């Protein structure tokens, strides 16, 4: 299990001209799956298990990205 941080969110590759995912999209994902965005911001991230449980492809890709950075 990995703690997915905002560093992971901001360094996520291949989503546009610049790396990273935006907070607007992350907030929308949280709303879609009933996650508390304010609590995630306060904690500085979220457990990978929470993101995996959503079944959302982008959330799972973010977890995979975070796992790679831990191994590296």
PDB file of N, CA and C in Angstrom:
ATOM      1  N   UNK A   1       0.844  -1.175   0.000  1.00  0.00           N
ATOM      2  CA  UNK A   1       0.000   0.000   0.000  1.00  0.00           C
ATOM      3  C   UNK A   1       0.891   1.241   0.000  1.00  0.00           C
ATOM      4  N   UNK A   2       0.482   2.252  -0.750  1.00  0.00           N
ATOM      5  CA  UNK A   2       1.240   3.483  -0.921  1.00  0.00           C
ATOM      6  C   UNK A   2       0.349   4.659  -0.554  1.00  0.00           C
ATOM      7  N   UNK A   3       0.939   5.702  -0.006  1.00  0.00           N
ATOM      8  CA  UNK A   3       0.228   6.942   0.243  1.00  0.00           C
ATOM      9  C   UNK A   3       0.441   7.822  -0.984  1.00  0.00           C
ATOM     10  N   UNK A   4      -0.629   8.109  -1.700  1.00  0.00           N
ATOM     11  CA  UNK A   4      -0.556   8.887  -2.938  1.00  0.00           C
ATOM     12  C   UNK A   4      -0.653  10.368  -2.563  1.00  0.00           C
ATOM     13  N   UNK A   5       0.413  11.116  -2.907  1.00  0.00           N
ATOM     14  CA  UNK A   5       0.516  12.513  -2.502  1.00  0.00           C
ATOM     15  C   UNK A   5       0.235  13.460  -3.663  1.00  0.00           C
ATOM     16  N   UNK A   6       0.226  14.736  -3.359  1.00  0.00           N
ATOM     17  CA  UNK A   6       0.054  15.741  -4.400  1.00  0.00           C
ATOM     18  C   UNK A   6       1.281  15.798  -5.317  1.00  0.00           C
ATOM     19  N   UNK A   7       2.448  15.411  -4.811  1.00  0.00           N
ATOM     20  CA  UNK A   7       3.621  15.302  -5.694  1.00  0.00           C
ATOM     21  C   UNK A   7       3.356  14.275  -6.790  1.00  0.00           C
ATOM     22  N   UNK A   8       2.730  13.173  -6.439  1.00  0.00           N
ATOM     23  CA  UNK A   8       2.383  12.155  -7.435  1.00  0.00           C
ATOM     24  C   UNK A   8       1.359  12.717  -8.428  1.00  0.00           C
ATOM     25  N   UNK A   9       0.364  13.412  -7.904  1.00  0.00           N
ATOM     26  CA  UNK A   9      -0.672  13.999  -8.757  1.00  0.00           C
ATOM     27  C   UNK A   9      -0.050  14.982  -9.751  1.00  0.00           C
ATOM     28  N   UNK A  10       0.867  15.804  -9.267  1.00  0.00           N
ATOM     29  CA  UNK A  10       1.464  16.852 -10.098  1.00  0.00           C
ATOM     30  C   UNK A  10       2.515  16.334 -11.071  1.00  0.00           C
ATOM     31  N   UNK A  11       3.022  15.134 -10.847  1.00  0.00           N
ATOM     32  CA  UNK A  11       4.059  14.588 -11.735  1.00  0.00           C
ATOM     33  C   UNK A  11       3.547  13.470 -12.633  1.00  0.00           C
ATOM     34  N   UNK A  12       2.248  13.212 -12.601  1.00  0.00           N
ATOM     35  CA  UNK A  12       1.655  12.152 -13.419  1.00  0.00           C
ATOM     36  C   UNK A  12       1.952  12.420 -14.896  1.00  0.00           C
ATOM     37  N   UNK A  13       2.546  11.469 -15.597  1.00  0.00           N
ATOM     38  CA  UNK A  13       2.991  11.724 -16.979  1.00  0.00           C
ATOM     39  C   UNK A  13       1.894  11.550 -18.038  1.00  0.00           C
ATOM     40  N   UNK A  14       2.133  12.212 -19.164  1.00  0.00           N
ATOM     41  CA  UNK A  14       1.384  11.932 -20.379  1.00  0.00           C
ATOM     42  C   UNK A  14      -0.046  12.389 -20.450  1.00  0.00           C
ATOM     43  N   UNK A  15      -0.417  13.454 -19.736  1.00  0.00           N
ATOM     44  CA  UNK A  15      -1.804  13.887 -19.781  1.00  0.00           C
ATOM     45  C   UNK A  15      -2.001  15.180 -20.570  1.00  0.00           C
ATOM     46  N   UNK A  16      -0.938  15.718 -21.123  1.00  0.00           N
ATOM     47  CA  UNK A  16      -1.051  16.959 -21.887  1.00  0.00           C
ATOM     48  C   UNK A  16       0.310  17.549 -22.144  1.00  0.00           C
ATOM     49  N   UNK A  17       0.341  18.837 -22.372  1.00  0.00           N
ATOM     50  CA  UNK A  17       1.600  19.527 -22.650  1.00  0.00           C
ATOM     51  C   UNK A  17       2.524  19.462 -21.445  1.00  0.00           C
ATOM     52  N   UNK A  18       1.963  19.667 -20.269  1.00  0.00           N
ATOM     53  CA  UNK A  18       2.744  19.598 -19.036  1.00  0.00           C
ATOM     54  C   UNK A  18       2.371  18.323 -18.286  1.00  0.00           C
ATOM     55  N   UNK A  19       3.315  17.773 -17.539  1.00  0.00           N
ATOM     56  CA  UNK A  19       2.955  16.601 -16.726  1.00  0.00           C
ATOM     57  C   UNK A  19       2.012  17.004 -15.602  1.00  0.00           C
ATOM     58  N   UNK A  20       1.328  16.033 -15.069  1.00  0.00           N
ATOM     59  CA  UNK A  20       0.497  16.268 -13.902  1.00  0.00           C
ATOM     60  C   UNK A  20      -0.985  16.324 -14.201  1.00  0.00           C
ATOM     61  N   UNK A  21      -1.733  16.128 -13.154  1.00  0.00           N
ATOM     62  CA  UNK A  21      -3.188  16.235 -13.200  1.00  0.00           C
ATOM     63  C   UNK A  21      -3.587  17.476 -12.417  1.00  0.00           C
ATOM     64  N   UNK A  22      -4.691  18.090 -12.800  1.00  0.00           N
ATOM     65  CA  UNK A  22      -5.123  19.326 -12.147  1.00  0.00           C
ATOM     66  C   UNK A  22      -5.973  19.028 -10.917  1.00  0.00           C
ATOM     67  N   UNK A  23      -6.015  20.004 -10.026  1.00  0.00           N
ATOM     68  CA  UNK A  23      -6.826  19.858  -8.821  1.00  0.00           C
ATOM     69  C   UNK A  23      -8.310  19.816  -9.163  1.00  0.00           C
ATOM     70  N   UNK A  24      -8.713  20.540 -10.200  1.00  0.00           N
ATOM     71  CA  UNK A  24     -10.130  20.545 -10.590  1.00  0.00           C
ATOM     72  C   UNK A  24     -10.584  19.128 -10.936  1.00  0.00           C
ATOM     73  N   UNK A  25      -9.781  18.419 -11.711  1.00  0.00           N
ATOM     74  CA  UNK A  25     -10.108  17.045 -12.069  1.00  0.00           C
ATOM     75  C   UNK A  25     -10.064  16.111 -10.870  1.00  0.00           C
ATOM     76  N   UNK A  26      -9.097  16.333  -9.987  1.00  0.00           N
ATOM     77  CA  UNK A  26      -8.989  15.501  -8.787  1.00  0.00           C
ATOM     78  C   UNK A  26     -10.194  15.721  -7.869  1.00  0.00           C
ATOM     79  N   UNK A  27     -10.619  16.977  -7.746  1.00  0.00           N
ATOM     80  CA  UNK A  27     -11.817  17.261  -6.935  1.00  0.00           C
ATOM     81  C   UNK A  27     -13.044  16.596  -7.536  1.00  0.00           C
ATOM     82  N   UNK A  28     -13.142  16.610  -8.864  1.00  0.00           N
ATOM     83  CA  UNK A  28     -14.285  15.967  -9.531  1.00  0.00           C
ATOM     84  C   UNK A  28     -14.273  14.462  -9.281  1.00  0.00           C
ATOM     85  N   UNK A  29     -13.097  13.860  -9.332  1.00  0.00           N
ATOM     86  CA  UNK A  29     -12.985  12.428  -9.066  1.00  0.00           C
ATOM     87  C   UNK A  29     -13.425  12.135  -7.630  1.00  0.00           C
ATOM     88  N   UNK A  30     -12.996  12.963  -6.697  1.00  0.00           N
ATOM     89  CA  UNK A  30     -13.393  12.777  -5.298  1.00  0.00           C
ATOM     90  C   UNK A  30     -14.908  12.874  -5.143  1.00  0.00           C
ATOM     91  N   UNK A  31     -15.490  13.870  -5.790  1.00  0.00           N
ATOM     92  CA  UNK A  31     -16.944  14.034  -5.704  1.00  0.00           C
ATOM     93  C   UNK A  31     -17.665  12.829  -6.294  1.00  0.00           C
ATOM     94  N   UNK A  32     -17.175  12.362  -7.439  1.00  0.00           N
ATOM     95  CA  UNK A  32     -17.810  11.224  -8.125  1.00  0.00           C
ATOM     96  C   UNK A  32     -17.840   9.981  -7.242  1.00  0.00           C
ATOM     97  N   UNK A  33     -16.791   9.787  -6.441  1.00  0.00           N
ATOM     98  CA  UNK A  33     -16.687   8.558  -5.645  1.00  0.00           C
ATOM     99  C   UNK A  33     -16.882   8.782  -4.143  1.00  0.00           C
ATOM    100  N   UNK A  34     -17.396   9.942  -3.781  1.00  0.00           N
ATOM    101  CA  UNK A  34     -17.734  10.190  -2.379  1.00  0.00           C
ATOM    102  C   UNK A  34     -16.545  10.360  -1.457  1.00  0.00           C
ATOM    103  N   UNK A  35     -15.422  10.831  -1.988  1.00  0.00           N
ATOM    104  CA  UNK A  35     -14.244  11.082  -1.157  1.00  0.00           C
ATOM    105  C   UNK A  35     -14.250  12.528  -0.687  1.00  0.00           C
ATOM    106  N   UNK A  36     -13.701  12.767   0.478  1.00  0.00           N
ATOM    107  CA  UNK A  36     -13.671  14.096   1.082  1.00  0.00           C
ATOM    108  C   UNK A  36     -12.413  14.836   0.624  1.00  0.00           C
ATOM    109  N   UNK A  37     -12.562  15.727  -0.364  1.00  0.00           N
ATOM    110  CA  UNK A  37     -11.421  16.458  -0.928  1.00  0.00           C
ATOM    111  C   UNK A  37     -10.694  17.256   0.156  1.00  0.00           C
ATOM    112  N   UNK A  38     -11.427  17.926   1.022  1.00  0.00           N
ATOM    113  CA  UNK A  38     -10.800  18.741   2.071  1.00  0.00           C
ATOM    114  C   UNK A  38      -9.943  17.881   2.991  1.00  0.00           C
ATOM    115  N   UNK A  39     -10.402  16.698   3.326  1.00  0.00           N
ATOM    116  CA  UNK A  39      -9.630  15.796   4.186  1.00  0.00           C
ATOM    117  C   UNK A  39      -8.366  15.317   3.477  1.00  0.00           C
ATOM    118  N   UNK A  40      -8.468  15.075   2.176  1.00  0.00           N
ATOM    119  CA  UNK A  40      -7.310  14.644   1.398  1.00  0.00           C
ATOM    120  C   UNK A  40      -6.275  15.763   1.338  1.00  0.00           C
ATOM    121  N   UNK A  41      -6.735  16.987   1.124  1.00  0.00           N
ATOM    122  CA  UNK A  41      -5.825  18.138   1.093  1.00  0.00           C
ATOM    123  C   UNK A  41      -5.144  18.287   2.453  1.00  0.00           C
ATOM    124  N   UNK A  42      -5.914  18.200   3.514  1.00  0.00           N
ATOM    125  CA  UNK A  42      -5.365  18.349   4.874  1.00  0.00           C
ATOM    126  C   UNK A  42      -4.322  17.270   5.167  1.00  0.00           C
ATOM    127  N   UNK A  43      -4.584  16.047   4.709  1.00  0.00           N
ATOM    128  CA  UNK A  43      -3.662  14.935   4.948  1.00  0.00           C
ATOM    129  C   UNK A  43      -2.476  14.950   3.987  1.00  0.00           C
ATOM    130  N   UNK A  44      -2.592  15.691   2.903  1.00  0.00           N
ATOM    131  CA  UNK A  44      -1.514  15.738   1.912  1.00  0.00           C
ATOM    132  C   UNK A  44      -1.565  14.600   0.912  1.00  0.00           C
ATOM    133  N   UNK A  45      -2.648  13.852   0.924  1.00  0.00           N
ATOM    134  CA  UNK A  45      -2.800  12.740  -0.015  1.00  0.00           C
ATOM    135  C   UNK A  45      -3.823  11.743   0.490  1.00  0.00           C
ATOM    136  N   UNK A  46      -3.771  10.557  -0.118  1.00  0.00           N
ATOM    137  CA  UNK A  46      -4.769   9.530   0.191  1.00  0.00           C
ATOM    138  C   UNK A  46      -4.142   8.150   0.012  1.00  0.00           C
ATOM    139  N   UNK A  47      -4.634   7.191   0.745  1.00  0.00           N
ATOM    140  CA  UNK A  47      -4.165   5.814   0.624  1.00  0.00           C
ATOM    141  C   UNK A  47      -4.484   5.259  -0.765  1.00  0.00           C
ATOM    142  N   UNK A  48      -3.552   4.515  -1.302  1.00  0.00           N
ATOM    143  CA  UNK A  48      -3.767   3.904  -2.612  1.00  0.00           C
ATOM    144  C   UNK A  48      -4.985   2.988  -2.603  1.00  0.00           C
ATOM    145  N   UNK A  49      -5.269   2.359  -1.479  1.00  0.00           N
ATOM    146  CA  UNK A  49      -6.418   1.451  -1.389  1.00  0.00           C
ATOM    147  C   UNK A  49      -7.723   2.184  -1.675  1.00  0.00           C
ATOM    148  N   UNK A  50      -7.833   3.410  -1.203  1.00  0.00           N
ATOM    149  CA  UNK A  50      -9.047   4.206  -1.428  1.00  0.00           C
ATOM    150  C   UNK A  50      -9.230   4.459  -2.920  1.00  0.00           C
ATOM    151  N   UNK A  51      -8.139   4.804  -3.607  1.00  0.00           N
ATOM    152  CA  UNK A  51      -8.222   5.067  -5.043  1.00  0.00           C
ATOM    153  C   UNK A  51      -8.506   3.797  -5.832  1.00  0.00           C
ATOM    154  N   UNK A  52      -7.891   2.701  -5.454  1.00  0.00           N
ATOM    155  CA  UNK A  52      -8.111   1.425  -6.155  1.00  0.00           C
ATOM    156  C   UNK A  52      -9.567   0.982  -6.010  1.00  0.00           C
ATOM    157  N   UNK A  53     -10.136   1.179  -4.826  1.00  0.00           N
ATOM    158  CA  UNK A  53     -11.529   0.778  -4.581  1.00  0.00           C
ATOM    159  C   UNK A  53     -12.516   1.472  -5.505  1.00  0.00           C
ATOM    160  N   UNK A  54     -12.150   2.637  -6.044  1.00  0.00           N
ATOM    161  CA  UNK A  54     -13.066   3.336  -6.949  1.00  0.00           C
ATOM    162  C   UNK A  54     -13.249   2.564  -8.249  1.00  0.00           C
ATOM    163  N   UNK A  55     -12.231   1.803  -8.639  1.00  0.00           N
ATOM    164  CA  UNK A  55     -12.272   1.106  -9.919  1.00  0.00           C
ATOM    165  C   UNK A  55     -12.042   2.031 -11.102  1.00  0.00           C
ATOM    166  N   UNK A  56     -11.784   3.299 -10.841  1.00  0.00           N
ATOM    167  CA  UNK A  56     -11.582   4.298 -11.882  1.00  0.00           C
ATOM    168  C   UNK A  56     -10.198   4.109 -12.520  1.00  0.00           C
ATOM    169  N   UNK A  57     -10.166   4.040 -13.846  1.00  0.00           N
ATOM    170  CA  UNK A  57      -8.917   3.770 -14.560  1.00  0.00           C
ATOM    171  C   UNK A  57      -7.861   4.834 -14.283  1.00  0.00           C
ATOM    172  N   UNK A  58      -8.253   6.093 -14.244  1.00  0.00           N
ATOM    173  CA  UNK A  58      -7.286   7.164 -13.999  1.00  0.00           C
ATOM    174  C   UNK A  58      -6.759   7.096 -12.564  1.00  0.00           C
ATOM    175  N   UNK A  59      -7.631   6.825 -11.612  1.00  0.00           N
ATOM    176  CA  UNK A  59      -7.209   6.699 -10.217  1.00  0.00           C
ATOM    177  C   UNK A  59      -6.226   5.541 -10.058  1.00  0.00           C
ATOM    178  N   UNK A  60      -6.502   4.442 -10.711  1.00  0.00           N
ATOM    179  CA  UNK A  60      -5.610   3.276 -10.639  1.00  0.00           C
ATOM    180  C   UNK A  60      -4.275   3.586 -11.308  1.00  0.00           C
ATOM    181  N   UNK A  61      -4.305   4.313 -12.409  1.00  0.00           N
ATOM    182  CA  UNK A  61      -3.054   4.723 -13.067  1.00  0.00           C
ATOM    183  C   UNK A  61      -2.237   5.640 -12.164  1.00  0.00           C
ATOM    184  N   UNK A  62      -2.904   6.507 -11.422  1.00  0.00           N
ATOM    185  CA  UNK A  62      -2.205   7.379 -10.486  1.00  0.00           C
ATOM    186  C   UNK A  62      -1.537   6.556  -9.385  1.00  0.00           C
ATOM    187  N   UNK A  63      -2.214   5.542  -8.899  1.00  0.00           N
ATOM    188  CA  UNK A  63      -1.623   4.647  -7.896  1.00  0.00           C
ATOM    189  C   UNK A  63      -0.393   3.953  -8.473  1.00  0.00           C
ATOM    190  N   UNK A  64      -0.499   3.464  -9.693  1.00  0.00           N
ATOM    191  CA  UNK A  64       0.643   2.800 -10.334  1.00  0.00           C
ATOM    192  C   UNK A  64       1.814   3.759 -10.471  1.00  0.00           C
ATOM    193  N   UNK A  65       1.544   5.004 -10.821  1.00  0.00           N
ATOM    194  CA  UNK A  65       2.590   6.026 -10.921  1.00  0.00           C
ATOM    195  C   UNK A  65       3.240   6.241  -9.550  1.00  0.00           C
ATOM    196  N   UNK A  66       2.443   6.342  -8.519  1.00  0.00           N
ATOM    197  CA  UNK A  66       2.968   6.537  -7.168  1.00  0.00           C
ATOM    198  C   UNK A  66       3.833   5.356  -6.746  1.00  0.00           C
ATOM    199  N   UNK A  67       3.399   4.151  -7.079  1.00  0.00           N
ATOM    200  CA  UNK A  67       4.161   2.950  -6.716  1.00  0.00           C
ATOM    201  C   UNK A  67       5.516   2.941  -7.402  1.00  0.00           C
ATOM    202  N   UNK A  68       5.567   3.371  -8.660  1.00  0.00           N
ATOM    203  CA  UNK A  68       6.834   3.439  -9.382  1.00  0.00           C
ATOM    204  C   UNK A  68       7.789   4.422  -8.742  1.00  0.00           C
ATOM    205  N   UNK A  69       7.273   5.530  -8.256  1.00  0.00           N
ATOM    206  CA  UNK A  69       8.155   6.528  -7.640  1.00  0.00           C
ATOM    207  C   UNK A  69       8.692   6.057  -6.292  1.00  0.00           C
ATOM    208  N   UNK A  70       7.960   5.201  -5.605  1.00  0.00           N
ATOM    209  CA  UNK A  70       8.425   4.648  -4.345  1.00  0.00           C
ATOM    210  C   UNK A  70       9.549   3.658  -4.591  1.00  0.00           C
ATOM    211  N   UNK A  71       9.419   2.857  -5.643  1.00  0.00           N
ATOM    212  CA  UNK A  71      10.423   1.849  -5.976  1.00  0.00           C
ATOM    213  C   UNK A  71      11.700   2.507  -6.484  1.00  0.00           C
ATOM    214  N   UNK A  72      11.561   3.604  -7.221  1.00  0.00           N
ATOM    215  CA  UNK A  72      12.715   4.260  -7.851  1.00  0.00           C
ATOM    216  C   UNK A  72      13.674   4.878  -6.885  1.00  0.00           C
TER     217      UNK A  72
END
